[in-house]
Amino acid sequence: MWNLAEGLAERRAAGLERRVRALQPVDGVRVHDGRRELLQFCSNDYMGLAADQRLRAAFVDEAMRSGVGSGASHFVTGHRPVHEALASRLAAWLQRDQVLLFSSGYLANLGIVDALVGRRDQVYQDRLNHASLLDGARLSGARLKRYAHGDMEQLERSLSRDVEGRRLIVSDGVFSMDGDIAPLSELASLAARYGAAMLVDDAHGLGVLGETGGGSLQQAGLDQDRVPLLVGTLGKAAGTFGAFVAGPAVWVEHLRQQARTQIYTTAPPAALAAATLVAIDILTEETWRRHHLQALIARFQAGAAQLGLRLLPSPTPIQPVLVGDAGTALEASEALDRRGIMVSAIRPPTVPAGSARLRVTFSALHKEADVDRLLEAMADIPVLRSAESA
């Protein structure tokens, strides 16, 4: 018997209920909830481009020329010259042979993993990988082997035991809930040693890390020979929407022919591609955004240390404040909200039980005064101060 209402009530009582909130952007770091303005620290718009006037102008111009929808998949009538231009621009930026566009990051990861491995193959994944990577492995029918977060010894033990089929090592570049960076050089070395291919989803590193914003692989000095497949999403640092995979020509062409989530879905609107082209120029040229973001992160970490808050170690704009209990994390988020600050409470199953947190994220559009206001509000919330000794 389906007792869905009871299950929903249990989630609500455990502080695990998810709620949607309609918010109107005011600027890059402020939103309005219909009653008041909130300073938000929970967007993935790390470079502050989602509301940039240059992206808006490019979007509108292309929408007037091409319409607001593509009308079909890339293989039918949905592929436009601006899609070609975007793929070429991404490939040049990331120094990879080719790029294949997807309609979302989730679809990209589902389709790519499924197209690469099957029932006789092995997929090795960090336990904190994004759900889309794990779901892609499950969809493929390959044998999924998860190793403890960042545990290269456990991964190597697993690789040394397996002898059948293809091997694929899959990892986030930057882990979305912890903000730390994967040990990419070690992963690449293990892949080479055991004849495995490697895929990195750099959704939260692209645009943020690396000399030209090329992400965690650029920062680690790893090219497509060592890490063939780089997945990136465009709805975070680039401020638009969609995703892509970049790599050697033969790999990308294989995915073009086999990735069902790219073949059998509508292509992203041309207007989004036009806006993304402008975003890439900004990401590569306006280096002040990355420098300012790092200054904000350092300021927050210093202030949090003075307050005794429990931060997880992260060099990225994702700065998790560990609380522990799901109900307490929700209480802290609501207390900040009453003070005009929006920070999401992240609870199980998104994170492991006992590790609920406030996921603080920064944008290049935040000011130092905004960081100080956040710290002052956190200092005034008893459940956060008591969490430091938990």
Protein backbone atom coordinates (compact mmCIF):
# COMPACT_ATOMS: atom_id res chain seq x y z
CA MET A 1 0.00 0.00 0.00
CA TRP A 2 1.27 3.47 -0.90
CA ASN A 3 1.30 5.61 2.23
CA LEU A 4 2.99 8.67 0.76
CA ALA A 5 1.49 11.10 3.25
CA GLU A 6 3.12 9.27 6.16
CA GLY A 7 6.50 9.38 4.47
CA LEU A 8 6.16 13.11 3.83
CA ALA A 9 5.19 13.70 7.45
CA GLU A 10 8.25 11.78 8.63
CA ARG A 11 10.53 13.89 6.42
CA ARG A 12 8.94 17.04 7.76
CA ALA A 13 9.36 15.93 11.38
CA ALA A 14 13.03 15.07 10.78
CA GLY A 15 13.72 18.51 9.33
CA LEU A 16 14.39 17.05 5.87
CA GLU A 17 11.51 18.55 3.89
CA ARG A 18 12.55 20.52 0.80
CA ARG A 19 10.67 23.67 -0.10
CA VAL A 20 10.64 25.86 -3.19
CA ARG A 21 10.79 29.60 -2.72
CA ALA A 22 9.90 32.12 -5.43
CA LEU A 23 12.61 34.81 -5.50
CA GLN A 24 13.00 37.87 -7.69
CA PRO A 25 16.62 38.91 -8.33
CA VAL A 26 17.44 42.48 -7.33
CA ASP A 27 21.09 42.37 -8.39
CA GLY A 28 23.80 39.74 -8.49
CA VAL A 29 23.76 39.04 -4.74
CA ARG A 30 20.36 40.27 -3.56
CA VAL A 31 16.90 38.80 -4.04
CA HIS A 32 13.34 39.76 -3.05
CA ASP A 33 10.98 37.14 -1.63
CA GLY A 34 7.81 39.20 -2.07
CA ARG A 35 8.08 40.76 1.37
CA ARG A 36 11.64 42.00 1.72
CA GLU A 37 15.11 42.06 0.26
CA LEU A 38 17.64 39.41 1.25
CA LEU A 39 21.42 39.33 0.88
CA GLN A 40 22.06 35.84 -0.44
CA PHE A 41 25.09 33.57 0.01
CA CYS A 42 23.82 30.40 -1.63
CA SER A 43 23.98 30.87 -5.40
CA ASN A 44 26.41 29.10 -7.73
CA ASP A 45 26.79 32.31 -9.75
CA TYR A 46 30.40 32.51 -8.60
CA MET A 47 31.58 35.12 -11.09
CA GLY A 48 28.44 37.25 -10.85
CA LEU A 49 27.55 36.93 -14.54
CA ALA A 50 23.96 35.67 -14.43
CA ALA A 51 22.57 39.22 -14.45
CA ASP A 52 25.40 40.87 -16.40
CA GLN A 53 24.07 43.38 -18.94
CA ARG A 54 26.44 42.14 -21.65
CA LEU A 55 25.06 38.62 -21.41
CA ARG A 56 21.50 39.96 -21.41
CA ALA A 57 22.14 41.97 -24.55
CA ALA A 58 23.65 38.99 -26.37
CA PHE A 59 20.75 36.78 -25.30
CA VAL A 60 18.10 39.25 -26.47
CA ASP A 61 19.87 39.92 -29.78
CA GLU A 62 20.09 36.21 -30.65
CA ALA A 63 16.54 35.56 -29.43
CA MET A 64 15.28 38.24 -31.83
CA ARG A 65 17.20 36.54 -34.64
CA SER A 66 16.63 32.85 -33.83
CA GLY A 67 13.66 32.71 -31.45
CA VAL A 68 13.42 31.58 -27.84
CA GLY A 69 13.50 27.83 -28.49
CA SER A 70 15.57 25.58 -30.74
CA GLY A 71 12.60 23.44 -31.73
CA ALA A 72 14.36 20.09 -32.04
CA SER A 73 17.44 18.09 -31.15
CA HIS A 74 20.90 18.95 -32.45
CA PHE A 75 20.59 16.16 -35.04
CA VAL A 76 17.35 17.50 -36.51
CA THR A 77 16.86 21.28 -36.79
CA GLY A 78 18.02 22.48 -33.37
CA HIS A 79 21.71 23.00 -34.16
CA ARG A 80 22.56 26.59 -35.12
CA PRO A 81 25.75 28.40 -36.17
CA VAL A 82 26.04 29.93 -32.71
CA HIS A 83 26.15 26.41 -31.21
CA GLU A 84 29.10 25.65 -33.50
CA ALA A 85 30.78 28.89 -32.44
CA LEU A 86 30.29 28.07 -28.75
CA ALA A 87 31.71 24.55 -29.11
CA SER A 88 34.77 25.91 -30.92
CA ARG A 89 35.27 28.66 -28.34
CA LEU A 90 35.04 26.24 -25.43
CA ALA A 91 37.52 23.85 -27.09
CA ALA A 92 40.02 26.66 -27.66
CA TRP A 93 39.64 27.99 -24.12
CA LEU A 94 40.13 24.58 -22.54
CA GLN A 95 42.80 23.45 -25.05
CA ARG A 96 40.89 20.35 -26.13
CA ASP A 97 40.14 18.98 -29.58
CA GLN A 98 36.37 19.07 -29.58
CA VAL A 99 33.31 19.92 -27.49
CA LEU A 100 29.85 18.36 -27.45
CA LEU A 101 27.00 20.44 -26.00
CA PHE A 102 24.30 19.08 -23.68
CA SER A 103 21.08 20.61 -22.40
CA SER A 104 22.07 20.26 -18.72
CA GLY A 105 24.86 18.94 -16.54
CA TYR A 106 22.69 16.13 -15.23
CA LEU A 107 21.90 14.96 -18.76
CA ALA A 108 25.57 15.22 -19.69
CA ASN A 109 26.76 12.97 -16.89
CA LEU A 110 23.98 10.43 -17.37
CA GLY A 111 24.63 10.18 -21.09
CA ILE A 112 28.43 10.22 -21.03
CA VAL A 113 28.96 7.50 -18.44
CA ASP A 114 26.26 5.32 -19.99
CA ALA A 115 27.85 5.71 -23.44
CA LEU A 116 31.32 4.72 -22.23
CA VAL A 117 30.77 1.62 -20.10
CA GLY A 118 28.45 -1.36 -19.86
CA ARG A 119 27.67 -4.51 -17.96
CA ARG A 120 31.18 -6.03 -18.06
CA ASP A 121 32.96 -2.80 -17.11
CA GLN A 122 34.03 -1.08 -13.87
CA VAL A 123 33.34 2.49 -12.75
CA TYR A 124 35.25 3.93 -9.77
CA GLN A 125 33.74 6.96 -8.07
CA ASP A 126 34.43 9.13 -5.04
CA ARG A 127 31.67 8.74 -2.47
CA LEU A 128 30.99 12.47 -2.58
CA ASN A 129 30.54 12.67 -6.35
CA HIS A 130 27.48 14.45 -7.67
CA ALA A 131 24.31 12.37 -7.91
CA SER A 132 24.30 12.62 -11.71
CA LEU A 133 27.65 10.84 -11.95
CA LEU A 134 26.49 8.05 -9.67
CA ASP A 135 23.20 7.74 -11.55
CA GLY A 136 25.08 7.57 -14.85
CA ALA A 137 27.03 4.58 -13.59
CA ARG A 138 23.88 2.85 -12.35
CA LEU A 139 22.12 3.48 -15.67
CA SER A 140 25.04 1.98 -17.61
CA GLY A 141 24.82 -1.37 -15.84
CA ALA A 142 28.55 -1.26 -15.12
CA ARG A 143 29.87 -2.36 -11.77
CA LEU A 144 29.98 0.77 -9.59
CA LYS A 145 32.76 0.87 -6.99
CA ARG A 146 32.79 3.82 -4.62
CA TYR A 147 35.87 4.75 -2.63
CA ALA A 148 36.01 6.88 0.53
CA HIS A 149 36.33 10.58 -0.18
CA GLY A 150 39.79 11.31 -1.55
CA ASP A 151 41.13 7.92 -0.46
CA MET A 152 43.70 7.05 -3.13
CA GLU A 153 44.91 3.96 -1.28
CA GLN A 154 41.44 2.44 -1.28
CA LEU A 155 41.01 3.29 -4.96
CA GLU A 156 44.32 1.67 -5.85
CA ARG A 157 43.44 -1.48 -3.91
CA SER A 158 40.22 -1.70 -5.86
CA LEU A 159 41.96 -1.10 -9.20
CA SER A 160 44.59 -3.73 -8.44
CA ARG A 161 41.93 -6.42 -7.86
CA ASP A 162 39.85 -5.91 -10.99
CA VAL A 163 40.83 -7.58 -14.25
CA GLU A 164 37.69 -7.70 -16.42
CA GLY A 165 36.34 -5.09 -18.82
CA ARG A 166 37.02 -1.40 -19.25
CA ARG A 167 37.81 0.83 -16.31
CA LEU A 168 36.59 4.37 -15.85
CA ILE A 169 37.62 6.65 -12.96
CA VAL A 170 35.09 9.42 -12.36
CA SER A 171 35.43 12.39 -10.02
CA ASP A 172 34.13 15.83 -9.36
CA GLY A 173 36.84 18.45 -9.81
CA VAL A 174 35.44 20.56 -6.97
CA PHE A 175 33.02 18.78 -4.65
CA SER A 176 29.76 20.70 -4.58
CA MET A 177 28.86 20.32 -0.91
CA ASP A 178 32.36 20.32 0.65
CA GLY A 179 34.11 22.76 -1.68
CA ASP A 180 37.41 20.88 -1.69
CA ILE A 181 39.34 19.91 -4.80
CA ALA A 182 39.88 16.29 -5.85
CA PRO A 183 43.45 14.90 -5.85
CA LEU A 184 43.45 15.10 -9.63
CA SER A 185 47.14 14.44 -10.29
CA GLU A 186 47.03 11.29 -8.16
CA LEU A 187 43.86 10.13 -9.88
CA ALA A 188 45.44 10.66 -13.30
CA SER A 189 48.53 8.72 -12.25
CA LEU A 190 46.42 5.80 -11.06
CA ALA A 191 44.41 5.87 -14.28
CA ALA A 192 47.60 5.65 -16.33
CA ARG A 193 49.07 2.91 -14.14
CA TYR A 194 46.02 0.65 -14.37
CA GLY A 195 44.87 1.40 -17.91
CA ALA A 196 41.75 3.29 -16.87
CA ALA A 197 40.12 6.25 -18.59
CA MET A 198 39.30 9.32 -16.52
CA LEU A 199 36.37 11.73 -16.47
CA VAL A 200 36.26 14.91 -14.37
CA ASP A 201 33.08 16.90 -13.80
CA ASP A 202 34.37 20.43 -13.15
CA ALA A 203 30.99 22.11 -12.70
CA HIS A 204 32.18 24.10 -9.68
CA GLY A 205 35.78 24.69 -10.80
CA LEU A 206 35.27 25.98 -14.32
CA GLY A 207 35.70 29.76 -14.46
CA VAL A 208 36.76 29.86 -10.79
CA LEU A 209 40.11 28.06 -10.79
CA GLY A 210 43.10 28.20 -13.11
CA GLU A 211 45.04 31.05 -14.65
CA THR A 212 42.44 31.74 -17.34
CA GLY A 213 39.50 30.18 -15.48
CA GLY A 214 40.04 26.82 -17.15
CA GLY A 215 39.16 25.06 -13.90
CA SER A 216 40.66 22.46 -11.62
CA LEU A 217 42.37 20.52 -14.43
CA GLN A 218 44.08 23.67 -15.69
CA GLN A 219 45.18 24.46 -12.14
CA ALA A 220 46.59 20.93 -11.79
CA GLY A 221 48.34 21.10 -15.17
CA LEU A 222 46.46 18.11 -16.60
CA ASP A 223 45.75 18.02 -20.34
CA GLN A 224 43.45 15.82 -22.43
CA ASP A 225 46.13 13.15 -22.82
CA ARG A 226 46.08 12.51 -19.09
CA VAL A 227 42.38 13.27 -18.47
CA PRO A 228 40.45 12.62 -21.69
CA LEU A 229 37.01 13.82 -20.60
CA LEU A 230 36.19 17.16 -18.99
CA VAL A 231 32.54 17.91 -18.23
CA GLY A 232 31.56 21.49 -17.53
CA THR A 233 28.28 23.19 -16.75
CA LEU A 234 27.38 26.68 -17.90
CA GLY A 235 24.84 27.60 -15.21
CA LYS A 236 27.40 28.35 -12.54
CA ALA A 237 30.45 30.57 -13.17
CA ALA A 238 29.38 31.25 -16.77
CA GLY A 239 26.00 32.51 -15.57
CA THR A 240 23.86 30.90 -18.30
CA PHE A 241 22.59 27.31 -18.69
CA GLY A 242 23.57 24.02 -20.27
CA ALA A 243 26.64 21.80 -20.24
CA PHE A 244 29.32 20.23 -22.40
CA VAL A 245 32.00 17.58 -22.58
CA ALA A 246 35.44 18.42 -23.97
CA GLY A 247 38.20 16.06 -25.02
CA PRO A 248 40.06 14.30 -27.83
CA ALA A 249 38.20 14.18 -31.14
CA VAL A 250 37.64 10.41 -31.17
CA TRP A 251 36.18 10.44 -27.63
CA VAL A 252 33.84 13.32 -28.36
CA GLU A 253 32.73 11.80 -31.68
CA HIS A 254 31.97 8.52 -29.91
CA LEU A 255 29.78 10.39 -27.44
CA ARG A 256 28.08 12.30 -30.25
CA GLN A 257 26.99 8.96 -31.70
CA GLN A 258 26.20 7.15 -28.44
CA ALA A 259 25.11 9.59 -25.69
CA ARG A 260 21.34 9.12 -25.63
CA THR A 261 20.72 12.15 -23.41
CA GLN A 262 22.26 14.35 -26.12
CA ILE A 263 20.77 12.61 -29.13
CA TYR A 264 17.18 12.38 -27.91
CA THR A 265 16.57 15.77 -26.33
CA THR A 266 15.93 19.30 -27.53
CA ALA A 267 19.01 21.41 -28.15
CA PRO A 268 19.60 24.41 -25.84
CA PRO A 269 18.24 27.69 -27.24
CA ALA A 270 20.62 29.57 -29.52
CA ALA A 271 20.21 32.66 -27.33
CA LEU A 272 21.83 30.82 -24.43
CA ALA A 273 24.80 29.90 -26.61
CA ALA A 274 25.20 33.53 -27.66
CA ALA A 275 25.16 34.71 -24.05
CA THR A 276 27.65 32.01 -23.08
CA LEU A 277 30.10 33.16 -25.75
CA VAL A 278 30.14 36.59 -24.09
CA ALA A 279 30.52 34.97 -20.66
CA ILE A 280 33.64 33.07 -21.75
CA ASP A 281 35.26 36.29 -22.94
CA ILE A 282 34.54 37.86 -19.55
CA LEU A 283 35.82 34.84 -17.63
CA THR A 284 39.12 34.87 -19.49
CA GLU A 285 39.67 38.64 -19.59
CA GLU A 286 38.33 39.99 -16.28
CA THR A 287 40.77 38.30 -13.94
CA TRP A 288 39.83 40.71 -11.14
CA ARG A 289 36.75 38.58 -10.52
CA ARG A 290 38.81 35.55 -9.45
CA HIS A 291 41.22 37.69 -7.42
CA HIS A 292 38.38 39.45 -5.59
CA LEU A 293 36.64 36.16 -4.92
CA GLN A 294 39.75 34.75 -3.27
CA ALA A 295 40.01 37.87 -1.08
CA LEU A 296 36.41 37.39 0.07
CA ILE A 297 37.03 33.74 0.87
CA ALA A 298 40.10 34.60 2.95
CA ARG A 299 38.17 37.30 4.82
CA PHE A 300 35.35 34.91 5.65
CA GLN A 301 37.68 32.13 6.77
CA ALA A 302 39.55 34.49 9.08
CA GLY A 303 36.34 35.79 10.60
CA ALA A 304 34.86 32.31 10.99
CA ALA A 305 38.01 31.17 12.80
CA GLN A 306 37.66 34.04 15.26
CA LEU A 307 34.05 33.04 15.91
CA GLY A 308 34.97 29.38 16.34
CA LEU A 309 32.70 28.22 13.52
CA ARG A 310 33.37 24.75 12.13
CA LEU A 311 34.41 25.25 8.52
CA LEU A 312 35.27 22.36 6.25
CA PRO A 313 38.63 22.89 4.53
CA SER A 314 37.91 24.49 1.16
CA PRO A 315 39.89 26.90 -1.07
CA THR A 316 36.86 27.59 -3.29
CA PRO A 317 33.79 29.85 -3.07
CA ILE A 318 31.94 26.95 -1.42
CA GLN A 319 32.50 27.43 2.32
CA PRO A 320 30.51 24.87 4.35
CA VAL A 321 29.77 25.70 7.99
CA LEU A 322 29.33 22.32 9.65
CA VAL A 323 26.41 22.07 12.08
CA GLY A 324 25.74 18.33 12.36
CA ASP A 325 22.06 17.91 13.10
CA ALA A 326 19.60 18.53 10.25
CA GLY A 327 17.09 20.33 12.45
CA THR A 328 19.79 22.58 13.89
CA ALA A 329 21.05 23.47 10.42
CA LEU A 330 17.53 24.40 9.37
CA GLU A 331 17.10 26.47 12.54
CA ALA A 332 20.33 28.35 11.82
CA SER A 333 19.29 29.02 8.22
CA GLU A 334 15.93 30.39 9.37
CA ALA A 335 17.64 32.57 11.99
CA LEU A 336 19.86 34.09 9.30
CA ASP A 337 16.80 34.62 7.11
CA ARG A 338 15.15 36.66 9.85
CA ARG A 339 18.26 38.85 9.80
CA GLY A 340 17.91 39.43 6.07
CA ILE A 341 20.53 36.89 4.96
CA MET A 342 19.83 33.83 2.86
CA VAL A 343 22.03 30.75 3.30
CA SER A 344 20.77 27.25 2.47
CA ALA A 345 20.72 24.45 5.02
CA ILE A 346 22.08 21.30 3.38
CA ARG A 347 20.75 18.12 4.97
CA PRO A 348 20.69 14.36 4.32
CA PRO A 349 20.48 12.67 1.90
CA THR A 350 22.40 15.40 0.03
CA VAL A 351 25.14 15.05 2.65
CA PRO A 352 25.81 12.12 5.02
CA ALA A 353 23.80 11.87 8.24
CA GLY A 354 25.35 13.91 11.02
CA SER A 355 27.04 16.37 8.63
CA ALA A 356 24.24 18.85 7.95
CA ARG A 357 25.61 22.29 7.23
CA LEU A 358 25.12 25.81 6.02
CA ARG A 359 26.50 25.95 2.49
CA VAL A 360 27.89 29.46 2.21
CA THR A 361 28.87 30.46 -1.32
CA PHE A 362 30.46 33.67 -2.54
CA SER A 363 30.14 35.69 -5.71
CA ALA A 364 32.61 38.11 -7.25
CA LEU A 365 29.85 40.70 -6.80
CA HIS A 366 29.87 40.40 -3.01
CA LYS A 367 31.65 43.22 -1.18
CA GLU A 368 33.80 42.97 1.91
CA ALA A 369 31.01 44.67 3.85
CA ASP A 370 28.67 41.85 2.80
CA VAL A 371 31.05 39.27 4.24
CA ASP A 372 31.27 41.24 7.48
CA ARG A 373 27.49 41.43 7.70
CA LEU A 374 27.25 37.66 7.29
CA LEU A 375 29.81 37.05 10.02
CA GLU A 376 28.07 39.47 12.39
CA ALA A 377 24.79 37.66 11.86
CA MET A 378 26.40 34.25 12.44
CA ALA A 379 27.97 35.50 15.66
CA ASP A 380 24.47 36.33 16.91
CA ILE A 381 23.00 32.84 16.37
CA PRO A 382 23.34 30.58 19.44
CA VAL A 383 22.96 27.27 17.60
CA LEU A 384 25.97 28.09 15.43
CA ARG A 385 28.10 29.04 18.40
CA SER A 386 27.09 25.88 20.26
CA ALA A 387 27.86 23.77 17.15
CA GLU A 388 31.55 24.62 17.52
CA SER A 389 31.86 22.28 20.49
CA ALA A 390 29.60 19.57 19.09
